[in-house]
Amino acid sequence: MLALMRYGAGLPMYRMDQWQTYLGVPLAASTQWELIKASSRTPELVYEALIVWGAQGQIIYSDDTTMRVQSLRREIVAEPEDTQRRTGIFTTSIVVRIGQNQIALFFTGRNHAGENLDRLLKNRAAELPAPIHMCDALSRNQPQGVKTISCNCLLHGRRNFLEVLESFPQECKKVVLSLREVYRWEALAKKRQFSDEERLAFHQAHSGPVMQELQQWMNDQLEQKKVQPNSGLGEAIRYMTKHWKSLTRFLEVPGAPLDNIHGVINNAA
């Protein structure tokens, strides 16, 4: 129960210490930690098993966020500057889809998402095909030791246009409405419960022309110098064109998701 309250509900140990004191049964935070540590081996075995099972998944979603861990921070500060390999601390969330089920894993430390994904996929059966990997376009999100089918998040690309919407309303509206059309077809495919192959053919027939026209429009903006490349709009367009293939993997690969959010939410539902 202590572990569930601390790591499941996010209740700090000092607050539990206070509540136990109010109830007349003091339970110091240090004692709580000792009790949790003593019983940690069982969930650790479950976690290790989930890593092995997760490595066999068909679709993998991953993302990083910064994290504070005081023991790691002290370790980093103590290192000579010329030997520090990295000063950041991160939590990588990895959600794996296996059939109709999902496994959620979290790795906290000095490794980036790509390195943690390498750790996961080293447990993958050799006879399985490369998994689909959905993430944003940062290079540190890509594994180096294992081949994956890389997909990039459409919502990350869309967000860049939303951030400059007030400055370039007409141009940004063009992109946002085009992507809305793609998501409309995606919602219809889910409603009709298409198989991965049926969904692919559906998107190729309906979303394909929309994305092709959008790509041509963005190329024209840059090639015909209708937009300054270093402006907010120019950078948003260059991001999309640079990562176009991985952003439109859903038009090539059965089951490839559109983004790093809706696939996880819909599968969980």
Protein backbone atom coordinates (compact mmCIF):
# COMPACT_ATOMS: atom_id res chain seq x y z
CA MET A 1 0.00 0.00 0.00
CA LEU A 2 2.86 2.38 0.74
CA ALA A 3 4.30 1.79 -2.72
CA LEU A 4 0.92 2.32 -4.38
CA MET A 5 0.31 5.55 -2.48
CA ARG A 6 3.79 6.90 -3.23
CA TYR A 7 4.35 5.79 -6.83
CA GLY A 8 0.80 5.19 -7.98
CA ALA A 9 -1.05 8.09 -6.38
CA GLY A 10 1.99 10.39 -6.06
CA LEU A 11 1.52 11.02 -2.34
CA PRO A 12 4.84 12.13 -0.77
CA MET A 13 6.14 10.06 2.10
CA TYR A 14 6.30 13.04 4.46
CA ARG A 15 2.53 13.54 4.02
CA MET A 16 1.86 9.91 4.82
CA ASP A 17 4.13 10.42 7.82
CA GLN A 18 1.90 13.31 8.93
CA TRP A 19 -1.32 11.38 8.42
CA GLN A 20 -0.04 8.38 10.36
CA THR A 21 0.98 10.74 13.20
CA TYR A 22 -2.52 12.29 13.22
CA LEU A 23 -3.98 8.79 13.50
CA GLY A 24 -1.73 7.95 16.44
CA VAL A 25 0.38 5.40 14.55
CA PRO A 26 3.62 7.23 13.59
CA LEU A 27 5.34 5.91 10.48
CA ALA A 28 8.45 7.90 9.60
CA ALA A 29 9.26 8.57 5.95
CA SER A 30 12.59 6.74 6.38
CA THR A 31 10.75 3.69 7.70
CA GLN A 32 8.34 3.81 4.79
CA TRP A 33 11.27 3.75 2.38
CA GLU A 34 12.84 0.77 4.14
CA LEU A 35 9.54 -1.17 3.98
CA ILE A 36 9.09 -0.39 0.29
CA LYS A 37 12.69 -1.32 -0.54
CA ALA A 38 12.38 -4.62 1.33
CA SER A 39 9.36 -5.65 -0.71
CA SER A 40 10.52 -4.27 -4.06
CA ARG A 41 11.86 -7.49 -5.55
CA THR A 42 8.44 -8.86 -6.49
CA PRO A 43 7.32 -5.85 -8.59
CA GLU A 44 10.86 -5.70 -9.99
CA LEU A 45 10.42 -9.22 -11.38
CA VAL A 46 7.11 -8.17 -12.93
CA TYR A 47 8.77 -5.10 -14.45
CA GLU A 48 11.58 -7.21 -15.94
CA ALA A 49 9.03 -9.61 -17.41
CA LEU A 50 7.08 -6.69 -18.92
CA ILE A 51 10.26 -5.47 -20.60
CA VAL A 52 10.69 -8.86 -22.26
CA TRP A 53 7.03 -9.00 -23.33
CA GLY A 54 7.10 -5.39 -24.48
CA ALA A 55 10.04 -6.08 -26.76
CA GLN A 56 7.80 -8.37 -28.83
CA GLY A 57 5.24 -5.64 -29.64
CA GLN A 58 4.07 -4.53 -33.08
CA ILE A 59 3.88 -0.78 -32.39
CA ILE A 60 6.01 1.20 -29.94
CA TYR A 61 5.35 4.77 -28.80
CA SER A 62 8.12 6.63 -26.98
CA ASP A 63 8.85 10.07 -25.58
CA ASP A 64 11.19 11.80 -23.12
CA THR A 65 10.65 14.31 -20.36
CA THR A 66 13.19 15.87 -18.03
CA MET A 67 13.31 14.56 -14.48
CA ARG A 68 14.86 15.50 -11.14
CA VAL A 69 16.73 12.78 -9.26
CA GLN A 70 18.96 14.21 -6.53
CA SER A 71 21.29 11.21 -6.30
CA LEU A 72 21.95 11.36 -10.06
CA ARG A 73 22.40 15.13 -9.91
CA ARG A 74 25.03 14.75 -7.19
CA GLU A 75 26.73 12.08 -9.29
CA ILE A 76 26.81 14.39 -12.32
CA VAL A 77 28.13 17.36 -10.33
CA ALA A 78 30.90 15.20 -8.86
CA GLU A 79 32.17 14.19 -12.30
CA PRO A 80 35.03 16.17 -13.86
CA GLU A 81 33.63 18.42 -16.58
CA ASP A 82 35.87 16.92 -19.25
CA THR A 83 34.49 13.42 -18.57
CA GLN A 84 30.78 14.21 -18.25
CA ARG A 85 28.96 12.27 -20.96
CA ARG A 86 25.64 14.00 -20.28
CA THR A 87 24.27 16.42 -17.70
CA GLY A 88 20.55 15.84 -18.29
CA ILE A 89 18.26 13.42 -16.46
CA PHE A 90 15.24 12.00 -18.25
CA THR A 91 12.24 9.75 -17.87
CA THR A 92 11.42 7.85 -21.04
CA SER A 93 7.87 6.58 -21.39
CA ILE A 94 7.46 3.64 -23.74
CA VAL A 95 4.02 2.28 -24.57
CA VAL A 96 3.96 -0.96 -26.54
CA ARG A 97 0.98 -2.36 -28.40
CA ILE A 98 0.76 -6.17 -28.54
CA GLY A 99 -2.43 -7.21 -30.31
CA GLN A 100 -5.25 -5.55 -28.38
CA ASN A 101 -3.14 -5.08 -25.25
CA GLN A 102 -0.72 -2.38 -24.13
CA ILE A 103 2.31 -2.34 -21.87
CA ALA A 104 3.51 0.96 -20.38
CA LEU A 105 7.13 1.15 -19.23
CA PHE A 106 9.14 4.00 -17.69
CA PHE A 107 12.91 4.35 -17.60
CA THR A 108 14.49 7.12 -15.51
CA GLY A 109 18.17 8.01 -15.68
CA ARG A 110 20.74 9.68 -17.91
CA ASN A 111 19.79 7.80 -21.07
CA HIS A 112 17.66 9.24 -23.85
CA ALA A 113 14.62 7.52 -25.36
CA GLY A 114 16.60 5.91 -28.18
CA GLU A 115 19.06 4.35 -25.76
CA ASN A 116 16.25 3.05 -23.57
CA LEU A 117 14.54 1.64 -26.64
CA ASP A 118 17.78 -0.19 -27.49
CA ARG A 119 17.66 -1.66 -23.99
CA LEU A 120 14.09 -2.83 -24.55
CA LEU A 121 14.51 -4.23 -28.05
CA LYS A 122 17.61 -6.27 -27.29
CA ASN A 123 15.04 -8.73 -25.84
CA ARG A 124 13.11 -8.94 -29.13
CA ALA A 125 12.84 -12.34 -30.81
CA ALA A 126 15.09 -12.46 -33.88
CA GLU A 127 12.38 -13.95 -36.11
CA LEU A 128 9.98 -11.03 -35.59
CA PRO A 129 9.80 -8.22 -38.18
CA ALA A 130 10.94 -4.72 -37.31
CA PRO A 131 8.40 -2.99 -35.06
CA ILE A 132 6.70 0.30 -35.94
CA HIS A 133 8.16 3.07 -33.79
CA MET A 134 6.25 6.33 -33.27
CA CYS A 135 8.07 9.30 -31.75
CA ASP A 136 8.87 12.93 -32.46
CA ALA A 137 11.65 13.76 -34.91
CA LEU A 138 14.51 14.31 -32.44
CA SER A 139 17.46 12.11 -33.39
CA ARG A 140 17.96 11.05 -29.77
CA ASN A 141 14.60 9.23 -29.89
CA GLN A 142 15.89 6.75 -32.48
CA PRO A 143 17.44 3.45 -31.39
CA GLN A 144 20.89 2.75 -32.81
CA GLY A 145 21.31 -0.97 -32.31
CA VAL A 146 17.95 -2.24 -33.58
CA LYS A 147 16.06 -1.60 -36.81
CA THR A 148 12.57 -0.12 -36.55
CA ILE A 149 10.03 1.36 -38.96
CA SER A 150 10.30 4.99 -37.90
CA CYS A 151 7.18 7.16 -37.79
CA ASN A 152 7.00 10.79 -36.74
CA CYS A 153 4.12 12.51 -35.00
CA LEU A 154 1.79 14.61 -37.17
CA LEU A 155 0.62 16.55 -34.13
CA HIS A 156 4.17 17.76 -33.51
CA GLY A 157 4.23 19.12 -37.05
CA ARG A 158 0.80 20.68 -36.64
CA ARG A 159 1.80 22.33 -33.36
CA ASN A 160 4.53 24.32 -35.12
CA PHE A 161 1.88 25.99 -37.28
CA LEU A 162 -0.43 26.66 -34.35
CA GLU A 163 2.39 28.54 -32.62
CA VAL A 164 2.61 31.06 -35.50
CA LEU A 165 -1.09 31.11 -36.37
CA GLU A 166 -1.59 34.76 -35.40
CA SER A 167 1.29 35.91 -37.62
CA PHE A 168 0.41 33.75 -40.65
CA PRO A 169 -3.33 33.02 -40.34
CA GLN A 170 -4.07 32.06 -43.95
CA GLU A 171 -1.06 29.83 -44.46
CA CYS A 172 -1.44 28.07 -41.12
CA LYS A 173 -5.16 27.59 -41.69
CA LYS A 174 -4.31 25.79 -44.94
CA VAL A 175 -2.15 23.25 -43.09
CA VAL A 176 -4.44 22.80 -40.10
CA LEU A 177 -7.51 22.20 -42.28
CA SER A 178 -5.64 19.71 -44.44
CA LEU A 179 -4.57 17.71 -41.40
CA ARG A 180 -8.09 17.92 -39.99
CA GLU A 181 -9.28 16.19 -43.14
CA VAL A 182 -6.78 13.38 -42.59
CA TYR A 183 -7.95 12.93 -39.00
CA ARG A 184 -11.54 12.88 -40.18
CA TRP A 185 -10.72 9.91 -42.42
CA GLU A 186 -8.83 8.28 -39.53
CA ALA A 187 -11.86 8.61 -37.25
CA LEU A 188 -14.06 7.06 -39.92
CA ALA A 189 -11.66 4.16 -40.38
CA LYS A 190 -11.72 3.47 -36.64
CA LYS A 191 -15.51 3.72 -36.54
CA ARG A 192 -15.76 1.13 -39.29
CA GLN A 193 -13.23 -1.08 -37.45
CA PHE A 194 -11.03 -1.59 -40.49
CA SER A 195 -8.17 -4.04 -40.35
CA ASP A 196 -4.67 -2.57 -40.70
CA GLU A 197 -4.65 -3.42 -44.41
CA GLU A 198 -8.12 -1.96 -44.98
CA ARG A 199 -7.17 1.19 -43.08
CA LEU A 200 -4.03 1.58 -45.20
CA ALA A 201 -5.99 1.32 -48.46
CA PHE A 202 -8.60 3.73 -47.08
CA HIS A 203 -6.00 6.36 -46.19
CA GLN A 204 -4.21 5.92 -49.50
CA ALA A 205 -7.47 6.59 -51.34
CA HIS A 206 -8.69 9.52 -49.21
CA SER A 207 -5.81 11.00 -47.18
CA GLY A 208 -3.19 10.39 -49.86
CA PRO A 209 -4.43 13.13 -52.25
CA VAL A 210 -4.82 15.57 -49.33
CA MET A 211 -1.25 15.03 -48.15
CA GLN A 212 0.14 15.09 -51.69
CA GLU A 213 -1.50 18.47 -52.35
CA LEU A 214 -0.26 19.79 -48.99
CA GLN A 215 3.30 18.67 -49.73
CA GLN A 216 3.23 20.41 -53.12
CA TRP A 217 1.88 23.59 -51.52
CA MET A 218 4.64 23.63 -48.89
CA ASN A 219 7.34 23.00 -51.49
CA ASP A 220 5.98 25.88 -53.55
CA GLN A 221 6.12 28.21 -50.55
CA LEU A 222 9.85 27.56 -50.17
CA GLU A 223 10.90 27.18 -53.79
CA GLN A 224 8.99 30.23 -55.01
CA LYS A 225 10.20 32.24 -52.00
CA LYS A 226 6.68 33.00 -50.80
CA VAL A 227 7.91 32.60 -47.23
CA GLN A 228 11.15 33.45 -45.48
CA PRO A 229 12.87 30.13 -44.65
CA ASN A 230 13.97 31.38 -41.21
CA SER A 231 10.58 32.80 -40.22
CA GLY A 232 8.29 30.89 -37.88
CA LEU A 233 6.21 29.73 -40.83
CA GLY A 234 9.29 28.81 -42.84
CA GLU A 235 10.67 26.70 -40.00
CA ALA A 236 7.32 24.95 -39.56
CA ILE A 237 7.21 24.13 -43.28
CA ARG A 238 10.83 22.97 -43.35
CA TYR A 239 10.19 20.65 -40.40
CA MET A 240 7.31 19.02 -42.27
CA THR A 241 9.14 18.69 -45.59
CA LYS A 242 12.33 17.39 -43.96
CA HIS A 243 10.48 14.61 -42.14
CA TRP A 244 7.76 14.03 -44.72
CA LYS A 245 8.39 10.32 -45.25
CA SER A 246 8.24 9.45 -41.56
CA LEU A 247 5.28 11.81 -41.02
CA THR A 248 3.29 10.00 -43.71
CA ARG A 249 4.24 6.43 -42.87
CA PHE A 250 0.53 5.71 -42.36
CA LEU A 251 0.22 5.91 -46.16
CA GLU A 252 2.80 3.14 -46.63
CA VAL A 253 2.77 0.75 -43.67
CA PRO A 254 -0.27 -1.17 -42.35
CA GLY A 255 -1.03 -0.17 -38.78
CA ALA A 256 1.28 2.87 -38.69
CA PRO A 257 -0.23 5.50 -36.37
CA LEU A 258 -0.66 9.18 -37.19
CA ASP A 259 0.77 10.54 -33.97
CA ASN A 260 2.19 9.82 -30.55
CA ILE A 261 -1.06 10.51 -28.67
CA HIS A 262 -4.27 9.27 -30.28
CA GLY A 263 -2.97 5.77 -31.00
CA VAL A 264 -2.20 5.20 -27.33
CA ILE A 265 -5.47 6.75 -26.12
CA ASN A 266 -7.65 4.84 -28.57
CA ASN A 267 -5.93 1.53 -27.88
CA ALA A 268 -6.33 2.05 -24.13
CA ALA A 269 -10.01 2.81 -24.59
